[in-house]
Amino acid sequence: MQELNNDFKNFIKKLVNIILKKEVWISIFLIGIFYFIFLLPNASKSYQYTINNHTVHCDEQIGFYNSCG
């Protein structure tokens, strides 16, 4: 009975570890989505200022930080 109890405890520990690791990955995933949606479009737009060499109006800029370039 003691051995079965230890196996069960080990199983619970493994389960908790998996859940904790998954939560870390989920949070990294969410931060990644936030980065791609809000920061990258803005960065690529401001990158185009120098490449295309023409004035881009504020309303053309996509992204979280709407600042005139």
Protein backbone atom coordinates (compact mmCIF):
# COMPACT_ATOMS: atom_id res chain seq x y z
CA MET A 1 0.00 0.00 0.00
CA GLN A 2 2.90 2.35 0.79
CA GLU A 3 4.43 1.77 -2.64
CA LEU A 4 1.16 2.57 -4.38
CA ASN A 5 0.90 5.76 -2.34
CA ASN A 6 4.41 6.82 -3.43
CA ASP A 7 3.57 6.15 -7.08
CA PHE A 8 0.48 8.29 -6.74
CA LYS A 9 2.48 11.12 -5.15
CA ASN A 10 5.04 10.96 -7.95
CA PHE A 11 2.25 11.03 -10.52
CA ILE A 12 0.74 14.14 -8.90
CA LYS A 13 4.17 15.82 -8.81
CA LYS A 14 4.71 15.10 -12.52
CA LEU A 15 1.24 16.39 -13.32
CA VAL A 16 1.84 19.62 -11.39
CA ASN A 17 5.19 20.11 -13.14
CA ILE A 18 3.59 19.64 -16.57
CA ILE A 19 0.83 22.13 -15.74
CA LEU A 20 3.35 24.68 -14.45
CA LYS A 21 5.54 24.29 -17.53
CA LYS A 22 2.52 24.66 -19.81
CA GLU A 23 1.49 27.88 -18.04
CA VAL A 24 4.97 29.28 -18.70
CA TRP A 25 4.66 28.37 -22.39
CA ILE A 26 1.14 29.85 -22.57
CA SER A 27 2.34 33.15 -21.09
CA ILE A 28 5.30 33.24 -23.53
CA PHE A 29 2.87 32.49 -26.36
CA LEU A 30 0.54 35.32 -25.30
CA ILE A 31 3.43 37.78 -25.03
CA GLY A 32 4.53 36.69 -28.51
CA ILE A 33 1.05 37.30 -29.93
CA PHE A 34 0.93 40.72 -28.25
CA TYR A 35 4.35 41.55 -29.73
CA PHE A 36 3.37 40.50 -33.26
CA ILE A 37 0.00 42.29 -33.23
CA PHE A 38 1.01 45.58 -31.61
CA LEU A 39 4.73 46.12 -32.01
CA LEU A 40 5.71 44.56 -35.33
CA PRO A 41 3.23 46.35 -37.65
CA ASN A 42 4.37 49.66 -36.17
CA ALA A 43 8.05 48.72 -36.52
CA SER A 44 7.62 47.61 -40.14
CA LYS A 45 5.73 50.82 -40.98
CA SER A 46 8.41 53.06 -39.50
CA TYR A 47 11.00 50.93 -41.34
CA GLN A 48 9.24 51.80 -44.61
CA TYR A 49 9.75 55.53 -43.98
CA THR A 50 13.43 55.25 -44.78
CA ILE A 51 13.10 52.66 -47.56
CA ASN A 52 10.32 54.25 -49.64
CA ASN A 53 11.51 57.78 -48.87
CA HIS A 54 8.03 59.34 -48.86
CA THR A 55 5.93 60.89 -46.11
CA VAL A 56 3.53 58.55 -44.37
CA HIS A 57 0.53 60.13 -42.70
CA CYS A 58 -0.53 59.23 -39.16
CA ASP A 59 -3.66 57.37 -40.28
CA GLU A 60 -1.56 55.10 -42.48
CA GLN A 61 0.35 53.84 -39.50
CA ILE A 62 -0.86 50.54 -38.07
CA GLY A 63 0.03 49.48 -34.56
CA PHE A 64 -0.48 50.16 -30.91
CA TYR A 65 1.72 53.24 -30.73
CA ASN A 66 0.23 55.71 -33.21
CA SER A 67 2.86 58.40 -33.44
CA CYS A 68 3.62 60.49 -36.49
CA GLY A 69 6.95 59.66 -38.11
